[in-house]
Amino acid sequence: MVKSINTKVDLAVEATWFRGIPSYGKVMIGDKAFEFYNERNVGDFVQIPWDEVTYVVADVHFHGKYIPRFEIRTRQNGNFIFATKDPKKSLRAIRKYVPASHMRKSLSLWQGLKQRFTRMKK
């Protein structure tokens, strides 16, 4: 069994980690790190310390009514995409440890297309 980095847990919720194939388990948001644990496969886990997180990017639809997933971008280890049972509660818990200037909304479909076409013109 993997030992948790956190000394205090703010939120524990069911979640899905998207990495090739989805992995189902629990997300624990605590004072030291963001942690994902798979209950069935003990070796399937990720622990992301808060000082390693650069940005948290959320997919926001219908003016914040629906948030299907969010992505945690790190300095060295890449990007991690998660979906939780209650994403608003999860993002609020993350906001305690990640500054508001580092929490972003992802581009909408039209913004992404516009960005691609303006880059092609240059």
Protein backbone atom coordinates (compact mmCIF):
# COMPACT_ATOMS: atom_id res chain seq x y z
CA MET A 1 0.00 0.00 0.00
CA VAL A 2 1.22 3.49 -0.84
CA LYS A 3 1.67 5.98 1.98
CA SER A 4 -0.10 9.30 1.62
CA ILE A 5 1.92 12.53 1.58
CA ASN A 6 -0.89 14.55 3.14
CA THR A 7 -1.17 15.09 6.88
CA LYS A 8 -4.66 16.59 6.61
CA VAL A 9 -7.26 15.68 3.95
CA ASP A 10 -9.65 18.43 2.83
CA LEU A 11 -11.62 16.40 0.30
CA ALA A 12 -11.83 12.78 -0.78
CA VAL A 13 -14.09 12.04 -3.75
CA GLU A 14 -14.54 9.37 -6.42
CA ALA A 15 -12.70 10.20 -9.63
CA THR A 16 -11.43 9.05 -13.00
CA TRP A 17 -7.86 9.56 -14.20
CA PHE A 18 -7.63 9.73 -18.00
CA ARG A 19 -4.34 8.37 -19.33
CA GLY A 20 -4.78 6.25 -22.42
CA ILE A 21 -7.37 4.10 -20.69
CA PRO A 22 -9.39 5.52 -17.79
CA SER A 23 -8.47 4.52 -14.28
CA TYR A 24 -11.14 4.68 -11.56
CA GLY A 25 -10.45 5.44 -7.93
CA LYS A 26 -10.43 8.24 -5.38
CA VAL A 27 -8.91 11.72 -5.35
CA MET A 28 -7.60 13.08 -2.08
CA ILE A 29 -6.92 16.80 -1.83
CA GLY A 30 -4.87 17.65 1.22
CA ASP A 31 -2.42 20.11 2.69
CA LYS A 32 0.68 18.72 0.93
CA ALA A 33 -0.47 17.23 -2.41
CA PHE A 34 -3.14 16.17 -4.87
CA GLU A 35 -3.37 12.37 -4.78
CA PHE A 36 -5.20 9.79 -6.86
CA TYR A 37 -5.49 6.18 -5.70
CA ASN A 38 -7.03 3.24 -7.52
CA GLU A 39 -8.81 1.00 -5.01
CA ARG A 40 -8.53 -2.16 -7.10
CA ASN A 41 -4.93 -1.83 -8.32
CA VAL A 42 -2.59 -0.66 -5.56
CA GLY A 43 0.20 0.24 -7.99
CA ASP A 44 -2.04 2.61 -9.94
CA PHE A 45 -1.64 5.96 -8.20
CA VAL A 46 -0.29 9.49 -8.66
CA GLN A 47 0.85 12.00 -6.05
CA ILE A 48 1.34 15.60 -7.20
CA PRO A 49 2.87 17.96 -4.59
CA TRP A 50 1.45 21.50 -4.63
CA ASP A 51 4.85 23.08 -5.33
CA GLU A 52 5.04 20.99 -8.55
CA VAL A 53 1.69 22.28 -9.92
CA THR A 54 1.97 25.16 -12.41
CA TYR A 55 -1.62 25.44 -13.70
CA VAL A 56 -5.04 23.90 -13.22
CA VAL A 57 -7.12 24.12 -16.40
CA ALA A 58 -10.84 23.32 -16.27
CA ASP A 59 -13.25 22.59 -19.12
CA VAL A 60 -16.19 24.88 -18.38
CA HIS A 61 -19.46 24.60 -20.30
CA PHE A 62 -22.76 26.47 -20.06
CA HIS A 63 -21.27 29.36 -18.04
CA GLY A 64 -20.01 27.13 -15.23
CA LYS A 65 -23.05 24.85 -14.93
CA TYR A 66 -21.16 21.84 -16.27
CA ILE A 67 -17.47 21.00 -15.69
CA PRO A 68 -16.70 17.56 -17.15
CA ARG A 69 -12.97 17.42 -16.37
CA PHE A 70 -9.93 19.39 -15.30
CA GLU A 71 -6.24 19.14 -16.06
CA ILE A 72 -3.34 19.59 -13.67
CA ARG A 73 -0.17 20.83 -15.39
CA THR A 74 3.12 20.22 -13.63
CA ARG A 75 6.65 21.52 -14.03
CA GLN A 76 8.42 18.28 -14.92
CA ASN A 77 5.99 15.38 -15.10
CA GLY A 78 3.52 16.60 -17.73
CA ASN A 79 -0.25 16.96 -17.64
CA PHE A 80 -2.80 14.89 -15.74
CA ILE A 81 -6.50 14.89 -16.65
CA PHE A 82 -9.09 14.04 -14.00
CA ALA A 83 -12.87 13.94 -13.71
CA THR A 84 -14.42 13.86 -10.25
CA LYS A 85 -17.92 13.18 -9.01
CA ASP A 86 -18.21 16.79 -7.80
CA PRO A 87 -15.79 18.92 -9.86
CA LYS A 88 -16.83 22.29 -8.39
CA LYS A 89 -16.09 21.10 -4.87
CA SER A 90 -12.78 19.64 -6.05
CA LEU A 91 -11.70 22.85 -7.77
CA ARG A 92 -12.64 24.89 -4.70
CA ALA A 93 -10.50 22.61 -2.55
CA ILE A 94 -7.61 22.95 -5.01
CA ARG A 95 -8.00 26.74 -4.98
CA LYS A 96 -6.81 26.79 -1.34
CA TYR A 97 -3.38 25.59 -2.45
CA VAL A 98 -3.02 26.89 -6.02
CA PRO A 99 -3.20 30.69 -6.55
CA ALA A 100 -6.21 32.00 -8.45
CA SER A 101 -3.92 33.38 -11.17
CA HIS A 102 -2.87 29.78 -11.95
CA MET A 103 -6.41 28.43 -12.34
CA ARG A 104 -7.65 28.78 -15.92
CA LYS A 105 -10.60 27.93 -18.13
CA SER A 106 -9.78 25.98 -21.26
CA LEU A 107 -10.48 27.46 -24.66
CA SER A 108 -13.92 26.87 -26.13
CA LEU A 109 -14.32 25.17 -29.49
CA TRP A 110 -14.67 28.48 -31.32
CA GLN A 111 -11.75 30.10 -29.51
CA GLY A 112 -9.54 27.14 -30.41
CA LEU A 113 -10.54 27.26 -34.07
CA LYS A 114 -10.00 31.01 -34.20
CA GLN A 115 -6.57 30.62 -32.64
CA ARG A 116 -5.57 27.95 -35.18
CA PHE A 117 -6.68 30.02 -38.17
CA THR A 118 -4.94 33.19 -36.97
CA ARG A 119 -1.72 31.20 -36.49
CA MET A 120 -2.03 29.76 -39.99
CA LYS A 121 -2.28 33.28 -41.48
CA LYS A 122 1.06 34.30 -39.95
